[in-house]
Amino acid sequence: MKPQQIVDLTMDLTNRTPVFPGDPTPHIYPAATPEDDGYSVHHLHIASHTGTHVDAPSHFFQNGARMDQLDLHLFIGRGLIIPVQGKQEQEPITLADTNTFIQQARPGDIVLFHTGWAQYVGTEKYERHPYIHHDVARALLDQGVRVIGIDALNPDKTGGDDFSVHEEVLGREGVLIENLTNLDAIDFPNPIISVLPLKLVDGDGSPVRAVAMEG
């Protein structure tokens, strides 16, 4: 059965796609063209954490599960959208902001934080996004949630040395989604979220095509 609606939550992947400071920038260019070769092929030089992507536990932990080892059930589930658009630059998202939604979370849910920060992609402000306090991540994990995403560059504060949300979620064999977009277009209840990754052997992360589907 086809879904009634599909909302694309994926950032455009181009040579201008923003990356975490210090990560390799994308380099996408033609390797073959119809004019010269009779067919078209592009060379993609991108990091495993480029654009809208997921982090595997091995991103932070040497013995953590790698991309190809993760259960695919993790990447498809009911979406719980937590609206936090009122947050300012580099302001934490706290339990006080989210507790009502956390109590609604169920095992298998994919929890997405809607900050509205995707509107700043391509500007310096995109790096000064709100971030998730580690107490919020811990509370969701305690509810049985293993997948948490955000429409920003990072669930932690970019520019600091605190990666407590990464450590909390990935350390409990969870998965993070970063650089989501278009969350405001989900205008139906109980969306099904899909963020299926590439099957990168020994991968620490992978770009995804993230979508929300109405059943």
N, C-alpha and C. Protein backbone atom coordinates (compact mmCIF):
# COMPACT_ATOMS: atom_id res chain seq x y z
N MET A 1 0.84 -1.20 0.00
CA MET A 1 0.00 0.00 0.00
C MET A 1 0.88 1.25 0.00
N LYS A 2 0.60 2.18 -0.91
CA LYS A 2 1.37 3.40 -0.98
C LYS A 2 0.91 4.38 0.10
N PRO A 3 1.87 5.14 0.68
CA PRO A 3 1.48 6.16 1.65
C PRO A 3 0.69 7.27 0.98
N GLN A 4 -0.21 7.91 1.74
CA GLN A 4 -1.00 9.01 1.19
C GLN A 4 -0.13 10.23 0.90
N GLN A 5 0.85 10.48 1.76
CA GLN A 5 1.78 11.59 1.56
C GLN A 5 3.19 11.13 1.89
N ILE A 6 4.16 11.72 1.19
CA ILE A 6 5.57 11.54 1.53
C ILE A 6 6.20 12.93 1.62
N VAL A 7 6.78 13.24 2.76
CA VAL A 7 7.46 14.52 2.97
C VAL A 7 8.96 14.26 3.00
N ASP A 8 9.68 14.93 2.12
CA ASP A 8 11.13 14.77 2.06
C ASP A 8 11.78 15.61 3.15
N LEU A 9 12.54 14.98 4.03
CA LEU A 9 13.20 15.65 5.15
C LEU A 9 14.70 15.78 4.93
N THR A 10 15.13 15.64 3.68
CA THR A 10 16.55 15.51 3.35
C THR A 10 17.12 16.80 2.79
N MET A 11 18.27 17.19 3.29
CA MET A 11 19.01 18.34 2.78
C MET A 11 19.55 18.06 1.38
N ASP A 12 19.54 19.07 0.51
CA ASP A 12 20.16 18.91 -0.81
C ASP A 12 21.63 18.57 -0.66
N LEU A 13 22.09 17.61 -1.45
CA LEU A 13 23.50 17.20 -1.42
C LEU A 13 24.21 17.80 -2.63
N THR A 14 25.02 18.82 -2.38
CA THR A 14 25.75 19.53 -3.42
C THR A 14 27.15 19.85 -2.90
N ASN A 15 27.93 20.52 -3.72
CA ASN A 15 29.25 20.95 -3.28
C ASN A 15 29.18 22.04 -2.22
N ARG A 16 27.99 22.60 -2.01
CA ARG A 16 27.82 23.67 -1.01
C ARG A 16 27.14 23.17 0.26
N THR A 17 26.88 21.88 0.36
CA THR A 17 26.24 21.34 1.55
C THR A 17 27.13 21.58 2.78
N PRO A 18 26.60 22.19 3.84
CA PRO A 18 27.45 22.46 5.01
C PRO A 18 27.86 21.17 5.71
N VAL A 19 29.05 21.21 6.30
CA VAL A 19 29.56 20.06 7.04
C VAL A 19 30.00 20.53 8.42
N PHE A 20 30.14 19.57 9.33
CA PHE A 20 30.67 19.89 10.65
C PHE A 20 32.07 20.48 10.49
N PRO A 21 32.40 21.55 11.24
CA PRO A 21 33.70 22.19 11.08
C PRO A 21 34.86 21.20 11.15
N GLY A 22 35.67 21.19 10.10
CA GLY A 22 36.82 20.29 10.03
C GLY A 22 36.57 19.05 9.22
N ASP A 23 35.31 18.70 8.96
CA ASP A 23 35.02 17.53 8.14
C ASP A 23 35.32 17.82 6.67
N PRO A 24 35.57 16.79 5.87
CA PRO A 24 35.80 17.01 4.43
C PRO A 24 34.57 17.62 3.76
N THR A 25 34.80 18.59 2.89
CA THR A 25 33.69 19.18 2.16
C THR A 25 33.36 18.33 0.94
N PRO A 26 32.11 18.33 0.49
CA PRO A 26 31.73 17.52 -0.66
C PRO A 26 32.44 17.98 -1.93
N HIS A 27 32.75 17.03 -2.76
CA HIS A 27 33.31 17.33 -4.09
C HIS A 27 32.62 16.38 -5.07
N ILE A 28 31.66 16.92 -5.80
CA ILE A 28 30.85 16.13 -6.72
C ILE A 28 31.06 16.68 -8.12
N TYR A 29 31.48 15.81 -9.03
CA TYR A 29 31.78 16.30 -10.39
C TYR A 29 31.58 15.18 -11.39
N PRO A 30 31.36 15.52 -12.67
CA PRO A 30 31.14 14.50 -13.69
C PRO A 30 32.38 13.64 -13.91
N ALA A 31 32.17 12.33 -13.97
CA ALA A 31 33.24 11.39 -14.34
C ALA A 31 33.07 10.93 -15.78
N ALA A 32 31.85 10.98 -16.29
CA ALA A 32 31.56 10.65 -17.68
C ALA A 32 30.33 11.44 -18.11
N THR A 33 30.27 11.82 -19.37
CA THR A 33 29.15 12.59 -19.88
C THR A 33 28.61 11.95 -21.15
N PRO A 34 27.32 12.17 -21.45
CA PRO A 34 26.77 11.64 -22.69
C PRO A 34 27.50 12.13 -23.93
N GLU A 35 27.96 13.40 -23.90
CA GLU A 35 28.65 13.97 -25.06
C GLU A 35 29.97 13.26 -25.34
N ASP A 36 30.73 12.98 -24.27
CA ASP A 36 32.06 12.39 -24.45
C ASP A 36 32.09 10.87 -24.35
N ASP A 37 31.18 10.30 -23.58
CA ASP A 37 31.27 8.87 -23.27
C ASP A 37 30.03 8.07 -23.63
N GLY A 38 28.95 8.77 -23.95
CA GLY A 38 27.72 8.07 -24.29
C GLY A 38 26.83 7.76 -23.09
N TYR A 39 27.25 8.15 -21.92
CA TYR A 39 26.48 7.94 -20.70
C TYR A 39 26.97 8.92 -19.64
N SER A 40 26.20 9.04 -18.56
CA SER A 40 26.53 9.99 -17.51
C SER A 40 26.84 9.27 -16.21
N VAL A 41 27.95 9.62 -15.58
CA VAL A 41 28.34 9.12 -14.26
C VAL A 41 28.96 10.28 -13.49
N HIS A 42 28.63 10.37 -12.22
CA HIS A 42 29.24 11.40 -11.37
C HIS A 42 30.15 10.77 -10.33
N HIS A 43 31.23 11.45 -10.05
CA HIS A 43 32.14 11.07 -8.97
C HIS A 43 31.67 11.78 -7.71
N LEU A 44 31.45 11.02 -6.63
CA LEU A 44 31.01 11.58 -5.35
C LEU A 44 32.13 11.43 -4.33
N HIS A 45 32.69 12.53 -3.90
CA HIS A 45 33.69 12.52 -2.84
C HIS A 45 33.06 13.20 -1.63
N ILE A 46 32.46 12.40 -0.75
CA ILE A 46 31.77 12.94 0.42
C ILE A 46 32.18 12.14 1.65
N ALA A 47 32.09 12.79 2.80
CA ALA A 47 32.36 12.11 4.07
C ALA A 47 31.13 11.31 4.48
N SER A 48 31.32 10.41 5.41
CA SER A 48 30.22 9.56 5.88
C SER A 48 29.18 10.34 6.67
N HIS A 49 29.51 11.58 7.06
CA HIS A 49 28.58 12.41 7.84
C HIS A 49 28.22 13.67 7.07
N THR A 50 28.00 13.52 5.78
CA THR A 50 27.66 14.65 4.91
C THR A 50 26.16 14.76 4.76
N GLY A 51 25.67 16.00 4.82
CA GLY A 51 24.25 16.24 4.59
C GLY A 51 23.39 15.59 5.66
N THR A 52 22.16 15.24 5.30
CA THR A 52 21.29 14.52 6.22
C THR A 52 21.83 13.11 6.37
N HIS A 53 22.19 12.76 7.60
CA HIS A 53 22.91 11.49 7.80
C HIS A 53 22.60 10.91 9.17
N VAL A 54 22.99 9.66 9.35
CA VAL A 54 22.87 9.01 10.65
C VAL A 54 24.27 8.69 11.19
N ASP A 55 24.38 8.70 12.52
CA ASP A 55 25.60 8.32 13.21
C ASP A 55 25.42 6.92 13.80
N ALA A 56 26.37 6.05 13.54
CA ALA A 56 26.39 4.73 14.17
C ALA A 56 27.15 4.82 15.51
N PRO A 57 26.94 3.87 16.42
CA PRO A 57 27.69 3.88 17.67
C PRO A 57 29.20 3.93 17.48
N SER A 58 29.71 3.33 16.40
CA SER A 58 31.16 3.32 16.17
C SER A 58 31.70 4.71 15.84
N HIS A 59 30.83 5.69 15.62
CA HIS A 59 31.27 7.07 15.39
C HIS A 59 32.03 7.59 16.61
N PHE A 60 31.66 7.11 17.80
CA PHE A 60 32.32 7.58 19.03
C PHE A 60 32.97 6.46 19.83
N PHE A 61 32.60 5.22 19.55
CA PHE A 61 33.08 4.12 20.39
C PHE A 61 33.72 3.04 19.52
N GLN A 62 34.96 2.71 19.83
CA GLN A 62 35.74 1.78 19.02
C GLN A 62 35.03 0.44 18.86
N ASN A 63 34.38 -0.03 19.92
CA ASN A 63 33.71 -1.32 19.86
C ASN A 63 32.20 -1.19 19.62
N GLY A 64 31.76 0.01 19.26
CA GLY A 64 30.34 0.21 18.98
C GLY A 64 29.95 -0.40 17.64
N ALA A 65 28.65 -0.65 17.49
CA ALA A 65 28.15 -1.25 16.24
C ALA A 65 28.44 -0.33 15.06
N ARG A 66 28.78 -0.97 13.95
CA ARG A 66 29.06 -0.23 12.73
C ARG A 66 27.81 -0.21 11.86
N MET A 67 27.86 0.64 10.83
CA MET A 67 26.67 0.91 10.02
C MET A 67 26.04 -0.36 9.48
N ASP A 68 26.85 -1.26 8.96
CA ASP A 68 26.31 -2.47 8.34
C ASP A 68 25.85 -3.50 9.36
N GLN A 69 26.12 -3.27 10.65
CA GLN A 69 25.74 -4.22 11.69
C GLN A 69 24.42 -3.86 12.37
N LEU A 70 23.90 -2.68 12.10
CA LEU A 70 22.71 -2.20 12.81
C LEU A 70 21.44 -2.81 12.22
N ASP A 71 20.50 -3.11 13.11
CA ASP A 71 19.20 -3.65 12.72
C ASP A 71 18.44 -2.59 11.92
N LEU A 72 17.98 -2.94 10.72
CA LEU A 72 17.28 -1.98 9.88
C LEU A 72 15.97 -1.49 10.51
N HIS A 73 15.42 -2.25 11.45
CA HIS A 73 14.20 -1.80 12.13
C HIS A 73 14.42 -0.47 12.86
N LEU A 74 15.67 -0.18 13.23
CA LEU A 74 15.97 1.08 13.89
C LEU A 74 15.58 2.28 13.04
N PHE A 75 15.70 2.14 11.73
CA PHE A 75 15.64 3.28 10.83
C PHE A 75 14.25 3.56 10.27
N ILE A 76 13.27 2.78 10.69
CA ILE A 76 11.88 3.01 10.28
C ILE A 76 11.01 2.91 11.53
N GLY A 77 10.22 3.93 11.79
CA GLY A 77 9.37 3.89 12.98
C GLY A 77 8.43 5.07 13.05
N ARG A 78 7.56 5.03 14.05
CA ARG A 78 6.65 6.15 14.27
C ARG A 78 7.45 7.38 14.67
N GLY A 79 7.14 8.50 14.05
CA GLY A 79 7.83 9.74 14.37
C GLY A 79 7.13 10.51 15.47
N LEU A 80 7.91 10.96 16.43
CA LEU A 80 7.43 11.86 17.48
C LEU A 80 8.17 13.17 17.30
N ILE A 81 7.45 14.20 16.86
CA ILE A 81 8.07 15.50 16.59
C ILE A 81 7.96 16.36 17.83
N ILE A 82 9.10 16.87 18.31
CA ILE A 82 9.11 17.75 19.49
C ILE A 82 9.37 19.18 19.02
N PRO A 83 8.37 20.07 19.10
CA PRO A 83 8.55 21.44 18.61
C PRO A 83 9.30 22.31 19.62
N VAL A 84 10.43 22.85 19.18
CA VAL A 84 11.23 23.73 20.04
C VAL A 84 11.72 24.93 19.22
N GLN A 85 10.83 25.46 18.36
CA GLN A 85 11.23 26.54 17.47
C GLN A 85 11.54 27.85 18.19
N GLY A 86 11.13 27.97 19.44
CA GLY A 86 11.37 29.21 20.17
C GLY A 86 12.77 29.35 20.71
N LYS A 87 13.60 28.34 20.55
CA LYS A 87 14.95 28.39 21.11
C LYS A 87 15.85 29.34 20.31
N GLN A 88 16.78 29.96 21.03
CA GLN A 88 17.69 30.93 20.42
C GLN A 88 19.05 30.29 20.11
N GLU A 89 19.94 31.09 19.58
CA GLU A 89 21.27 30.60 19.22
C GLU A 89 21.97 29.96 20.42
N GLN A 90 22.47 28.75 20.23
CA GLN A 90 23.26 28.02 21.21
C GLN A 90 22.55 27.90 22.56
N GLU A 91 21.24 27.85 22.54
CA GLU A 91 20.46 27.68 23.76
C GLU A 91 20.11 26.20 23.94
N PRO A 92 20.23 25.66 25.14
CA PRO A 92 19.91 24.25 25.34
C PRO A 92 18.42 23.98 25.29
N ILE A 93 18.07 22.80 24.78
CA ILE A 93 16.71 22.27 24.81
C ILE A 93 16.64 21.41 26.07
N THR A 94 15.78 21.78 27.01
CA THR A 94 15.82 21.20 28.35
C THR A 94 14.63 20.27 28.60
N LEU A 95 14.68 19.61 29.75
CA LEU A 95 13.55 18.78 30.16
C LEU A 95 12.28 19.60 30.33
N ALA A 96 12.42 20.83 30.79
CA ALA A 96 11.24 21.68 30.95
C ALA A 96 10.57 21.95 29.61
N ASP A 97 11.36 22.03 28.55
CA ASP A 97 10.82 22.27 27.21
C ASP A 97 10.14 21.04 26.62
N THR A 98 10.53 19.86 27.08
CA THR A 98 10.20 18.64 26.34
C THR A 98 9.50 17.56 27.14
N ASN A 99 9.35 17.73 28.43
CA ASN A 99 8.90 16.63 29.28
C ASN A 99 7.55 16.06 28.86
N THR A 100 6.61 16.93 28.45
CA THR A 100 5.30 16.46 28.02
C THR A 100 5.42 15.49 26.85
N PHE A 101 6.32 15.79 25.91
CA PHE A 101 6.50 14.93 24.74
C PHE A 101 7.28 13.66 25.10
N ILE A 102 8.25 13.81 25.99
CA ILE A 102 9.03 12.64 26.40
C ILE A 102 8.13 11.57 26.99
N GLN A 103 7.13 11.98 27.75
CA GLN A 103 6.22 11.02 28.37
C GLN A 103 5.39 10.27 27.33
N GLN A 104 5.27 10.82 26.13
CA GLN A 104 4.51 10.17 25.06
C GLN A 104 5.37 9.17 24.27
N ALA A 105 6.68 9.21 24.46
CA ALA A 105 7.59 8.40 23.64
C ALA A 105 7.44 6.92 23.98
N ARG A 106 7.53 6.09 22.93
CA ARG A 106 7.43 4.66 23.09
C ARG A 106 8.65 3.99 22.46
N PRO A 107 9.01 2.78 22.92
CA PRO A 107 10.10 2.05 22.26
C PRO A 107 9.82 1.91 20.76
N GLY A 108 10.83 2.13 19.97
CA GLY A 108 10.68 2.05 18.52
C GLY A 108 10.38 3.38 17.86
N ASP A 109 10.02 4.41 18.65
CA ASP A 109 9.77 5.73 18.08
C ASP A 109 11.07 6.35 17.57
N ILE A 110 10.92 7.17 16.54
CA ILE A 110 12.01 8.01 16.07
C ILE A 110 11.66 9.43 16.47
N VAL A 111 12.41 10.00 17.39
CA VAL A 111 12.10 11.31 17.97
C VAL A 111 12.89 12.39 17.23
N LEU A 112 12.18 13.38 16.70
CA LEU A 112 12.80 14.43 15.91
C LEU A 112 12.55 15.79 16.57
N PHE A 113 13.61 16.53 16.80
CA PHE A 113 13.53 17.87 17.40
C PHE A 113 13.43 18.91 16.29
N HIS A 114 12.33 19.66 16.31
CA HIS A 114 12.07 20.68 15.29
C HIS A 114 12.45 22.04 15.85
N THR A 115 13.67 22.48 15.54
CA THR A 115 14.15 23.78 16.00
C THR A 115 13.84 24.90 15.01
N GLY A 116 13.60 24.54 13.76
CA GLY A 116 13.42 25.54 12.71
C GLY A 116 14.73 26.04 12.15
N TRP A 117 15.84 25.45 12.60
CA TRP A 117 17.16 25.98 12.22
C TRP A 117 17.55 25.64 10.78
N ALA A 118 16.82 24.75 10.13
CA ALA A 118 17.14 24.41 8.74
C ALA A 118 17.03 25.63 7.82
N GLN A 119 16.27 26.63 8.24
CA GLN A 119 16.14 27.84 7.41
C GLN A 119 17.46 28.60 7.28
N TYR A 120 18.43 28.30 8.15
CA TYR A 120 19.70 29.02 8.14
C TYR A 120 20.82 28.26 7.42
N VAL A 121 20.47 27.15 6.77
CA VAL A 121 21.49 26.41 6.01
C VAL A 121 22.15 27.34 5.01
N GLY A 122 23.48 27.29 4.94
CA GLY A 122 24.21 28.15 4.03
C GLY A 122 24.66 29.46 4.64
N THR A 123 24.30 29.69 5.92
CA THR A 123 24.73 30.90 6.61
C THR A 123 25.57 30.52 7.83
N GLU A 124 26.29 31.49 8.35
CA GLU A 124 27.11 31.24 9.54
C GLU A 124 26.24 30.89 10.74
N LYS A 125 25.01 31.37 10.75
CA LYS A 125 24.11 31.12 11.89
C LYS A 125 23.79 29.64 12.04
N TYR A 126 23.90 28.88 10.95
CA TYR A 126 23.55 27.46 11.02
C TYR A 126 24.40 26.73 12.06
N GLU A 127 25.63 27.18 12.28
CA GLU A 127 26.50 26.53 13.27
C GLU A 127 26.17 26.95 14.70
N ARG A 128 25.32 27.97 14.87
CA ARG A 128 25.00 28.46 16.22
C ARG A 128 23.59 28.02 16.63
N HIS A 129 23.29 26.78 16.34
CA HIS A 129 21.97 26.22 16.55
C HIS A 129 21.70 25.92 18.04
N PRO A 130 20.42 25.81 18.40
CA PRO A 130 20.09 25.24 19.72
C PRO A 130 20.58 23.79 19.79
N TYR A 131 20.74 23.29 20.98
CA TYR A 131 21.24 21.92 21.14
C TYR A 131 20.48 21.20 22.25
N ILE A 132 20.55 19.89 22.22
CA ILE A 132 19.80 19.05 23.16
C ILE A 132 20.61 18.86 24.45
N HIS A 133 20.01 19.15 25.58
CA HIS A 133 20.68 18.87 26.86
C HIS A 133 20.74 17.35 27.04
N HIS A 134 21.84 16.87 27.60
CA HIS A 134 22.00 15.42 27.71
C HIS A 134 20.95 14.77 28.61
N ASP A 135 20.37 15.54 29.54
CA ASP A 135 19.30 14.99 30.37
C ASP A 135 18.07 14.61 29.52
N VAL A 136 17.83 15.37 28.47
CA VAL A 136 16.71 15.08 27.57
C VAL A 136 16.97 13.78 26.81
N ALA A 137 18.18 13.65 26.29
CA ALA A 137 18.53 12.42 25.59
C ALA A 137 18.43 11.22 26.51
N ARG A 138 18.91 11.37 27.75
CA ARG A 138 18.87 10.25 28.70
C ARG A 138 17.42 9.87 29.02
N ALA A 139 16.55 10.86 29.17
CA ALA A 139 15.15 10.58 29.48
C ALA A 139 14.47 9.84 28.34
N LEU A 140 14.79 10.21 27.10
CA LEU A 140 14.21 9.50 25.95
C LEU A 140 14.72 8.06 25.88
N LEU A 141 15.99 7.87 26.13
CA LEU A 141 16.55 6.52 26.13
C LEU A 141 15.90 5.67 27.22
N ASP A 142 15.64 6.28 28.35
CA ASP A 142 14.98 5.55 29.43
C ASP A 142 13.55 5.14 29.06
N GLN A 143 12.95 5.86 28.11
CA GLN A 143 11.62 5.53 27.61
C GLN A 143 11.67 4.43 26.53
N GLY A 144 12.88 4.01 26.17
CA GLY A 144 13.02 2.97 25.16
C GLY A 144 13.32 3.48 23.77
N VAL A 145 13.47 4.80 23.62
CA VAL A 145 13.80 5.39 22.32
C VAL A 145 15.28 5.13 22.02
N ARG A 146 15.59 4.78 20.77
CA ARG A 146 16.98 4.55 20.39
C ARG A 146 17.42 5.41 19.21
N VAL A 147 16.49 6.19 18.63
CA VAL A 147 16.83 7.02 17.47
C VAL A 147 16.32 8.44 17.73
N ILE A 148 17.25 9.40 17.69
CA ILE A 148 16.94 10.81 17.96
C ILE A 148 17.54 11.64 16.83
N GLY A 149 16.74 12.57 16.31
CA GLY A 149 17.21 13.43 15.22
C GLY A 149 16.93 14.89 15.49
N ILE A 150 17.57 15.76 14.69
CA ILE A 150 17.41 17.21 14.86
C ILE A 150 17.61 17.88 13.50
N ASP A 151 16.90 19.00 13.29
CA ASP A 151 17.05 19.77 12.06
C ASP A 151 18.13 20.83 12.25
N ALA A 152 19.30 20.36 12.60
CA ALA A 152 20.45 21.23 12.84
C ALA A 152 21.71 20.42 12.59
N LEU A 153 22.86 21.10 12.68
CA LEU A 153 24.14 20.49 12.36
C LEU A 153 24.55 19.40 13.34
N ASN A 154 24.00 19.46 14.57
CA ASN A 154 24.57 18.66 15.64
C ASN A 154 23.58 18.64 16.81
N PRO A 155 23.32 17.51 17.46
CA PRO A 155 22.48 17.54 18.65
C PRO A 155 23.19 18.16 19.85
N ASP A 156 24.53 18.13 19.83
CA ASP A 156 25.33 18.81 20.84
C ASP A 156 25.65 20.23 20.36
N LYS A 157 26.24 21.01 21.23
CA LYS A 157 26.61 22.39 20.89
C LYS A 157 27.83 22.38 19.97
N THR A 158 27.67 22.92 18.78
CA THR A 158 28.78 22.98 17.83
C THR A 158 29.76 24.06 18.25
N GLY A 159 31.04 23.71 18.23
CA GLY A 159 32.07 24.67 18.60
C GLY A 159 32.64 24.43 19.98
N GLY A 160 32.06 23.51 20.73
CA GLY A 160 32.57 23.19 22.05
C GLY A 160 33.21 21.81 22.06
N ASP A 161 33.55 21.35 23.26
CA ASP A 161 34.16 20.02 23.39
C ASP A 161 33.25 19.07 24.17
N ASP A 162 31.98 19.44 24.29
CA ASP A 162 31.01 18.60 24.98
C ASP A 162 30.19 17.84 23.95
N PHE A 163 30.34 16.52 23.93
CA PHE A 163 29.59 15.67 23.02
C PHE A 163 28.74 14.69 23.83
N SER A 164 28.13 15.20 24.90
CA SER A 164 27.45 14.31 25.84
C SER A 164 26.22 13.64 25.24
N VAL A 165 25.52 14.29 24.30
CA VAL A 165 24.37 13.64 23.67
C VAL A 165 24.85 12.51 22.76
N HIS A 166 25.90 12.75 21.99
CA HIS A 166 26.49 11.67 21.19
C HIS A 166 26.89 10.50 22.10
N GLU A 167 27.58 10.82 23.18
CA GLU A 167 28.07 9.77 24.07
C GLU A 167 26.91 9.03 24.73
N GLU A 168 25.87 9.77 25.11
CA GLU A 168 24.72 9.16 25.77
C GLU A 168 23.98 8.22 24.82
N VAL A 169 23.65 8.71 23.62
CA VAL A 169 22.84 7.93 22.68
C VAL A 169 23.64 6.80 22.04
N LEU A 170 24.80 7.13 21.49
CA LEU A 170 25.61 6.11 20.82
C LEU A 170 26.17 5.11 21.81
N GLY A 171 26.41 5.57 23.04
CA GLY A 171 26.91 4.67 24.08
C GLY A 171 25.90 3.63 24.52
N ARG A 172 24.62 3.87 24.23
CA ARG A 172 23.57 2.90 24.54
C ARG A 172 23.04 2.26 23.26
N GLU A 173 23.92 2.18 22.27
CA GLU A 173 23.63 1.52 20.99
C GLU A 173 22.45 2.16 20.28
N GLY A 174 22.30 3.47 20.46
CA GLY A 174 21.31 4.22 19.72
C GLY A 174 21.90 4.83 18.47
N VAL A 175 21.08 5.61 17.77
CA VAL A 175 21.46 6.23 16.50
C VAL A 175 21.02 7.68 16.52
N LEU A 176 21.83 8.56 15.94
CA LEU A 176 21.50 9.97 15.82
C LEU A 176 21.29 10.34 14.35
N ILE A 177 20.36 11.27 14.12
CA ILE A 177 20.13 11.81 12.78
C ILE A 177 20.42 13.31 12.84
N GLU A 178 21.20 13.80 11.89
CA GLU A 178 21.57 15.22 11.86
C GLU A 178 21.23 15.83 10.51
N ASN A 179 21.06 17.16 10.51
CA ASN A 179 20.80 17.93 9.28
C ASN A 179 19.47 17.56 8.62
N LEU A 180 18.45 17.31 9.43
CA LEU A 180 17.12 17.15 8.87
C LEU A 180 16.60 18.51 8.39
N THR A 181 15.59 18.48 7.56
CA THR A 181 14.98 19.72 7.09
C THR A 181 13.50 19.46 6.83
N ASN A 182 12.73 20.55 6.66
CA ASN A 182 11.34 20.45 6.21
C ASN A 182 10.42 19.80 7.24
N LEU A 183 10.80 19.80 8.51
CA LEU A 183 9.95 19.17 9.52
C LEU A 183 8.60 19.87 9.65
N ASP A 184 8.54 21.16 9.30
CA ASP A 184 7.27 21.88 9.41
C ASP A 184 6.25 21.41 8.38
N ALA A 185 6.68 20.64 7.38
CA ALA A 185 5.76 20.15 6.35
C ALA A 185 5.03 18.88 6.79
N ILE A 186 5.39 18.32 7.93
CA ILE A 186 4.67 17.14 8.44
C ILE A 186 3.41 17.64 9.12
N ASP A 187 2.29 17.59 8.42
CA ASP A 187 1.04 18.14 8.93
C ASP A 187 0.01 17.05 9.20
N PHE A 188 0.48 15.83 9.45
CA PHE A 188 -0.42 14.72 9.75
C PHE A 188 0.09 14.00 10.99
N PRO A 189 -0.81 13.36 11.74
CA PRO A 189 -0.39 12.71 13.00
C PRO A 189 0.31 11.38 12.75
N ASN A 190 1.13 11.00 13.71
CA ASN A 190 1.79 9.70 13.72
C ASN A 190 2.48 9.37 12.39
N PRO A 191 3.37 10.25 11.92
CA PRO A 191 4.08 9.95 10.67
C PRO A 191 4.99 8.73 10.84
N ILE A 192 5.17 8.01 9.75
CA ILE A 192 6.18 6.96 9.72
C ILE A 192 7.45 7.57 9.15
N ILE A 193 8.52 7.49 9.91
CA ILE A 193 9.80 8.06 9.51
C ILE A 193 10.70 6.95 8.98
N SER A 194 11.36 7.22 7.84
CA SER A 194 12.34 6.30 7.29
C SER A 194 13.64 7.05 7.03
N VAL A 195 14.74 6.52 7.57
CA VAL A 195 16.07 7.12 7.38
C VAL A 195 17.06 6.00 7.05
N LEU A 196 16.74 5.21 6.06
CA LEU A 196 17.58 4.05 5.74
C LEU A 196 18.96 4.49 5.23
N PRO A 197 20.03 3.94 5.83
CA PRO A 197 21.39 4.32 5.45
C PRO A 197 21.93 3.44 4.31
N LEU A 198 23.04 3.88 3.74
CA LEU A 198 23.80 3.02 2.84
C LEU A 198 24.42 1.88 3.65
N LYS A 199 24.62 0.76 3.00
CA LYS A 199 25.23 -0.39 3.68
C LYS A 199 26.75 -0.28 3.58
N LEU A 200 27.29 0.65 4.36
CA LEU A 200 28.73 0.91 4.36
C LEU A 200 29.40 -0.04 5.35
N VAL A 201 30.16 -0.98 4.85
CA VAL A 201 30.82 -1.96 5.70
C VAL A 201 31.82 -1.24 6.61
N ASP A 202 31.71 -1.48 7.90
CA ASP A 202 32.53 -0.83 8.93
C ASP A 202 32.29 0.68 9.01
N GLY A 203 31.17 1.15 8.46
CA GLY A 203 30.90 2.58 8.45
C GLY A 203 30.54 3.13 9.82
N ASP A 204 30.96 4.36 10.08
CA ASP A 204 30.63 5.05 11.34
C ASP A 204 29.43 5.97 11.17
N GLY A 205 28.93 6.09 9.96
CA GLY A 205 27.78 6.92 9.66
C GLY A 205 27.44 6.78 8.19
N SER A 206 26.33 7.38 7.78
CA SER A 206 25.94 7.29 6.38
C SER A 206 24.94 8.38 6.03
N PRO A 207 25.10 8.99 4.84
CA PRO A 207 24.01 9.82 4.32
C PRO A 207 22.75 8.98 4.17
N VAL A 208 21.58 9.64 4.32
CA VAL A 208 20.30 8.95 4.20
C VAL A 208 19.36 9.79 3.34
N ARG A 209 18.30 9.16 2.83
CA ARG A 209 17.16 9.88 2.26
C ARG A 209 16.07 9.80 3.31
N ALA A 210 15.92 10.87 4.08
CA ALA A 210 14.98 10.87 5.19
C ALA A 210 13.61 11.33 4.70
N VAL A 211 12.58 10.56 5.04
CA VAL A 211 11.22 10.92 4.65
C VAL A 211 10.26 10.66 5.79
N ALA A 212 9.14 11.41 5.77
CA ALA A 212 8.01 11.16 6.66
C ALA A 212 6.84 10.73 5.80
N MET A 213 6.18 9.65 6.18
CA MET A 213 5.07 9.10 5.38
C MET A 213 3.80 9.07 6.19
N GLU A 214 2.70 9.44 5.52
CA GLU A 214 1.38 9.31 6.11
C GLU A 214 0.79 7.97 5.72
N GLY A 215 0.37 7.18 6.71
CA GLY A 215 -0.15 5.86 6.44
C GLY A 215 -1.51 5.86 5.77
